[in-house]
Structure formats: structure tokens, C-alpha cells
């Protein structure tokens, strides 16, 4: 289950025929720093014009936010623009969200390795920040150093993640179909039992009415026979 989030906004000046690299870079930096922007597809498409220009490092940086992790940034930090603390925090949040797409129980050790953080306190600070900004809904188990994920914010996914999500949805759909069939079978069985009980009740009632009619019909004869017996005795 995911929360809805905003997509990156593209400046109208940067979508015209003449490409303004500086405006696109401003769009990129604004999107990377925004607490409410987690979809970068449209911006990424518009920024492809930065390829083979002096602004290409910003395009690569945007690509990491759109489909990568903190590790991807750390491995290429020498050739990428410097990130602010706000942007680093957001990239770490995105990293945790992408980990959550395949695992619902995240260990501190794994998250520390993927986010480049060195202490559990710093990691918990990132998680709490995510919760406060409605990006992540989870339960923190400090004693066992793990997090139980309930819901995550919507964000860009890679082709591999799309395959995983599609497979998960197909499994969920199959599970729903199986449950629906089972419930329908239960309903059909209950309906048959109700009909059978109703039929038995109707037949029993019919038998009762027939018995009553028979008793009512035989009553005068029994009374007459009883009267004759009394006369003979007299």
C-alpha cells in the first residue's frame, strides 16, 4: 500500500524549443530538495537534453534520485554535484523506500549499509523524519534493531521493481480469486442446506396438517362408537 505524492514540476521556460540548462538545473535542485516530490519521470524526460552538455552531471544526479540509491551516489560522488543535507536526507529516504518495496521487515544493519550512515541514532532520525512527513508508515523496534513497514510513499521505480510489483499484484489477484471462489462455495453450500431445511420443514408441516385433518375426521366416529358402547353397558 502507498501514499500519493507530488511529481516534480518543470518550469515552463525549460520546456520550450530553446533549452535553458540553468533553468533545468534549478528545476532539478528544487525537485531534489522538496519534501513532497517523489516522482521525477516528467522532469527526467525533459532533462534528457542535458546529455553531453556541461550540465550532464545534474542529469545523472536526477537519475539516481529517480531510480537509484545512496550507494549509487556514493560510488560516483567525485563526478556528481554536491548534495545539501536536505538532499542527502531525501536520497536516504528514497533508498529506504526502495528497500521496502521487496521487504516489509528492514534490519538496522542493512539500512545503515545502504544509506551510508554510521549510527543507529542517525538512522532512526531519518526514519522519524520520514514518518513525520507522511512518507513512511512503520513501527520501529529499537530492541531488535528492525523496522516493520506498513505503508510507503509513492515513488519512481526501476524496471526490475516494476516486474516485482507486477508479480506481487498478480499473486494478490490470484489470492483474491481463490478466496472469492472459496466464499462462493461456502455460500452455495449454505444455500443448498437452507433449501433442504426449508423443504424438510415444509414436508414436516404438511405431515402435521395431514395428521390434524385425520384426527379431526376420525373424531365423530370415535364419539359415536363411544356412545354405543355406553348404551350397551347400560
Protein backbone atom coordinates (compact mmCIF):
# COMPACT_ATOMS: atom_id res chain seq x y z
CA UNK A 1 0.00 0.00 0.00
CA UNK A 2 1.34 3.57 -0.92
CA UNK A 3 0.58 7.19 -0.13
CA UNK A 4 0.08 9.58 -3.03
CA UNK A 5 2.86 12.17 -3.55
CA UNK A 6 3.55 15.06 -5.91
CA UNK A 7 5.61 14.78 -9.07
CA UNK A 8 8.46 17.11 -9.97
CA UNK A 9 7.44 20.44 -11.50
CA UNK A 10 9.06 21.56 -14.74
CA UNK A 11 9.47 25.26 -15.45
CA UNK A 12 7.54 26.43 -18.49
CA UNK A 13 10.68 28.24 -19.66
CA UNK A 14 12.61 24.98 -19.71
CA UNK A 15 10.08 23.09 -21.84
CA UNK A 16 10.27 25.37 -24.87
CA UNK A 17 12.17 24.82 -28.08
CA UNK A 18 15.27 26.57 -26.75
CA UNK A 19 16.85 24.63 -23.92
CA UNK A 20 17.89 26.66 -20.90
CA UNK A 21 20.29 24.44 -18.98
CA UNK A 22 20.39 26.68 -15.95
CA UNK A 23 16.61 26.63 -15.60
CA UNK A 24 16.58 22.86 -15.85
CA UNK A 25 19.26 22.65 -13.18
CA UNK A 26 17.11 24.88 -10.97
CA UNK A 27 14.17 22.54 -11.57
CA UNK A 28 16.33 19.57 -10.63
CA UNK A 29 17.65 21.14 -7.41
CA UNK A 30 14.15 22.24 -6.41
CA UNK A 31 12.74 18.75 -7.00
CA UNK A 32 15.57 17.03 -5.12
CA UNK A 33 15.12 19.25 -2.07
CA UNK A 34 11.31 19.13 -1.96
CA UNK A 35 9.75 17.05 0.82
CA UNK A 36 6.68 16.38 -1.35
CA UNK A 37 8.31 15.40 -4.65
CA UNK A 38 8.99 11.72 -5.19
CA UNK A 39 8.11 11.30 -8.87
CA UNK A 40 10.74 12.51 -11.32
CA UNK A 41 9.68 10.90 -14.62
CA UNK A 42 8.45 14.05 -16.38
CA UNK A 43 11.40 16.11 -15.21
CA UNK A 44 13.81 13.36 -16.20
CA UNK A 45 12.35 13.22 -19.71
CA UNK A 46 12.70 16.98 -20.14
CA UNK A 47 16.22 16.98 -18.74
CA UNK A 48 17.49 14.36 -21.21
CA UNK A 49 18.51 17.34 -23.37
CA UNK A 50 21.30 17.95 -20.85
CA UNK A 51 23.09 14.84 -22.09
CA UNK A 52 26.56 15.67 -23.46
CA UNK A 53 26.41 19.20 -22.05
CA UNK A 54 28.16 20.84 -19.11
CA UNK A 55 25.01 20.14 -17.07
CA UNK A 56 25.05 16.36 -17.63
CA UNK A 57 26.19 15.65 -14.02
CA UNK A 58 22.85 17.07 -12.84
CA UNK A 59 21.04 14.70 -15.19
CA UNK A 60 22.97 11.78 -13.69
CA UNK A 61 22.16 13.02 -10.21
CA UNK A 62 18.46 13.23 -11.06
CA UNK A 63 18.62 9.68 -12.46
CA UNK A 64 19.95 8.43 -9.13
CA UNK A 65 17.07 10.05 -7.26
CA UNK A 66 14.61 8.65 -9.81
CA UNK A 67 15.77 5.03 -9.74
CA UNK A 68 18.91 4.62 -7.65
CA UNK A 69 20.09 4.60 -4.04
CA UNK A 70 22.53 6.41 -1.79
CA UNK A 71 25.16 3.82 -2.70
CA UNK A 72 24.92 4.84 -6.37
CA UNK A 73 25.62 8.43 -5.36
CA UNK A 74 28.50 7.49 -3.04
CA UNK A 75 30.15 5.39 -5.75
CA UNK A 76 30.10 8.32 -8.19
CA UNK A 77 30.37 11.26 -5.77
CA UNK A 78 33.52 12.61 -7.48
CA UNK A 79 31.69 13.24 -10.76
CA UNK A 80 28.39 14.48 -9.34
CA UNK A 81 27.23 17.81 -7.92
CA UNK A 82 27.46 18.16 -4.16
CA UNK A 83 24.28 17.46 -2.21
CA UNK A 84 22.93 19.52 0.67
CA UNK A 85 21.98 17.86 3.94
CA UNK A 86 18.32 18.13 2.94
CA UNK A 87 19.01 16.39 -0.38
CA UNK A 88 21.14 13.72 1.28
CA UNK A 89 18.34 13.03 3.74
CA UNK A 90 15.85 12.70 0.91
CA UNK A 91 18.10 10.30 -1.02
CA UNK A 92 18.45 8.17 2.09
CA UNK A 93 14.68 8.18 2.50
CA UNK A 94 14.27 7.09 -1.13
CA UNK A 95 16.82 4.34 -0.50
CA UNK A 96 14.77 3.03 2.44
CA UNK A 97 11.57 3.23 0.39
CA UNK A 98 13.15 1.17 -2.37
CA UNK A 99 14.32 -1.39 0.17
CA UNK A 100 10.73 -1.54 1.46
CA UNK A 101 9.37 -2.45 -1.97
CA UNK A 102 10.67 -6.01 -1.54
CA UNK A 103 10.99 -6.35 2.25
CA UNK A 104 8.50 -5.44 4.97
CA UNK A 105 10.93 -6.04 7.83
CA UNK A 106 14.10 -4.00 7.49
CA UNK A 107 17.12 -4.58 9.71
CA UNK A 108 19.13 -1.65 11.00
CA UNK A 109 22.35 -3.23 9.73
CA UNK A 110 21.03 -3.42 6.16
CA UNK A 111 19.67 0.13 6.23
CA UNK A 112 22.91 1.51 7.68
CA UNK A 113 24.88 -0.18 4.90
CA UNK A 114 22.57 1.10 2.16
CA UNK A 115 22.23 4.67 3.45
CA UNK A 116 25.87 5.23 4.37
CA UNK A 117 25.00 6.15 7.94
CA UNK A 118 27.25 5.11 10.80
CA UNK A 119 24.93 5.14 13.83
CA UNK A 120 21.54 3.75 14.73
CA UNK A 121 20.56 7.13 16.17
CA UNK A 122 21.15 8.85 12.81
CA UNK A 123 19.18 6.12 11.06
CA UNK A 124 16.27 6.48 13.47
CA UNK A 125 16.37 10.23 12.83
CA UNK A 126 15.89 9.60 9.09
CA UNK A 127 13.05 7.15 9.76
CA UNK A 128 11.31 9.54 12.16
CA UNK A 129 11.69 12.34 9.58
CA UNK A 130 10.01 10.05 7.02
CA UNK A 131 7.15 9.30 9.39
CA UNK A 132 6.61 12.97 10.24
CA UNK A 133 6.40 13.86 6.54
CA UNK A 134 3.95 11.01 5.79
CA UNK A 135 6.44 9.27 3.54
CA UNK A 136 6.74 6.11 5.62
CA UNK A 137 4.31 4.38 7.96
CA UNK A 138 6.16 1.88 10.10
CA UNK A 139 6.85 0.56 13.58
CA UNK A 140 10.36 0.93 14.97
CA UNK A 141 11.59 -2.00 17.05
CA UNK A 142 14.60 -0.47 18.79
CA UNK A 143 15.23 -3.51 20.99
CA UNK A 144 15.74 -5.81 18.00
CA UNK A 145 17.01 -3.04 15.71
CA UNK A 146 14.48 -3.52 12.95
CA UNK A 147 11.58 -1.71 11.33
CA UNK A 148 8.18 -3.14 10.37
CA UNK A 149 6.87 -1.32 7.29
CA UNK A 150 3.13 -0.78 6.89
CA UNK A 151 2.87 1.76 4.08
CA UNK A 152 5.26 3.73 1.90
CA UNK A 153 5.03 6.83 -0.24
CA UNK A 154 4.69 6.54 -3.99
CA UNK A 155 7.97 7.00 -5.88
CA UNK A 156 9.67 6.20 -9.18
CA UNK A 157 10.55 2.53 -9.62
CA UNK A 158 13.00 0.73 -11.86
CA UNK A 159 12.07 -1.85 -14.49
CA UNK A 160 13.14 -4.63 -12.12
CA UNK A 161 10.96 -3.18 -9.36
CA UNK A 162 8.06 -2.91 -11.80
CA UNK A 163 8.40 -6.62 -12.53
CA UNK A 164 8.43 -7.37 -8.79
CA UNK A 165 5.39 -5.17 -8.17
CA UNK A 166 3.54 -6.74 -11.10
CA UNK A 167 4.33 -10.22 -9.79
CA UNK A 168 3.12 -9.19 -6.33
CA UNK A 169 -0.12 -7.80 -7.76
CA UNK A 170 -0.68 -10.98 -9.78
CA UNK A 171 -0.17 -13.08 -6.63
CA UNK A 172 -2.56 -10.82 -4.73
CA UNK A 173 -5.11 -11.09 -7.53
CA UNK A 174 -4.82 -14.89 -7.57
CA UNK A 175 -5.19 -14.97 -3.78
CA UNK A 176 -8.32 -12.81 -4.02
CA UNK A 177 -9.73 -15.10 -6.72
CA UNK A 178 -9.10 -18.18 -4.57
CA UNK A 179 -10.71 -16.56 -1.54
CA UNK A 180 -13.69 -15.42 -3.62
CA UNK A 181 -14.20 -18.92 -5.02
CA UNK A 182 -13.98 -20.40 -1.53
CA UNK A 183 -16.52 -17.92 -0.20
CA UNK A 184 -18.81 -18.60 -3.15
CA UNK A 185 -18.58 -22.33 -2.49
CA UNK A 186 -19.48 -21.69 1.15
CA UNK A 187 -22.42 -19.54 0.08
CA UNK A 188 -23.63 -22.20 -2.37
CA UNK A 189 -23.29 -24.90 0.28
CA UNK A 190 -25.17 -22.81 2.83
CA UNK A 191 -27.88 -22.03 0.27
CA UNK A 192 -28.34 -25.72 -0.51
CA UNK A 193 -28.61 -26.52 3.20
CA UNK A 194 -31.16 -23.76 3.70
CA UNK A 195 -33.23 -25.05 0.80
CA UNK A 196 -33.02 -28.61 2.12
CA UNK A 197 -34.03 -27.46 5.62
CA UNK A 198 -36.86 -25.41 4.18
CA UNK A 199 -38.06 -28.43 2.21
CA UNK A 200 -37.90 -30.66 5.28
CA UNK A 201 -39.76 -28.05 7.32
CA UNK A 202 -42.44 -27.78 4.65
CA UNK A 203 -42.84 -31.57 4.47
CA UNK A 204 -43.00 -31.78 8.28
CA UNK A 205 -45.64 -29.05 8.39
CA UNK A 206 -47.57 -30.83 5.67
CA UNK A 207 -47.43 -34.04 7.69
CA UNK A 208 -48.65 -32.20 10.80
CA UNK A 209 -51.57 -30.67 8.91
CA UNK A 210 -52.44 -34.07 7.45
CA UNK A 211 -52.36 -35.62 10.94
CA UNK A 212 -54.58 -32.86 12.29
CA UNK A 213 -57.04 -33.34 9.45
CA UNK A 214 -57.06 -37.10 10.01
CA UNK A 215 -57.71 -36.67 13.74
CA UNK A 216 -60.47 -34.17 13.06
CA UNK A 217 -62.09 -36.50 10.52
CA UNK A 218 -61.99 -39.55 12.84
CA UNK A 219 -63.25 -37.71 15.95
CA UNK A 220 -67.04 -38.01 15.18
CA UNK A 221 -66.69 -41.73 14.53
CA UNK A 222 -64.85 -42.25 17.79
CA UNK A 223 -67.51 -40.28 19.68
CA UNK A 224 -70.33 -42.28 18.07
CA UNK A 225 -68.59 -45.56 18.85
CA UNK A 226 -68.07 -44.49 22.43
CA UNK A 227 -71.78 -43.58 22.79
CA UNK A 228 -72.85 -47.03 21.52
CA UNK A 229 -70.53 -48.70 23.98
CA UNK A 230 -72.07 -46.75 26.85
CA UNK A 231 -75.59 -47.76 25.81
CA UNK A 232 -74.72 -51.45 25.73
CA UNK A 233 -73.17 -51.23 29.13
CA UNK A 234 -76.30 -49.52 30.43
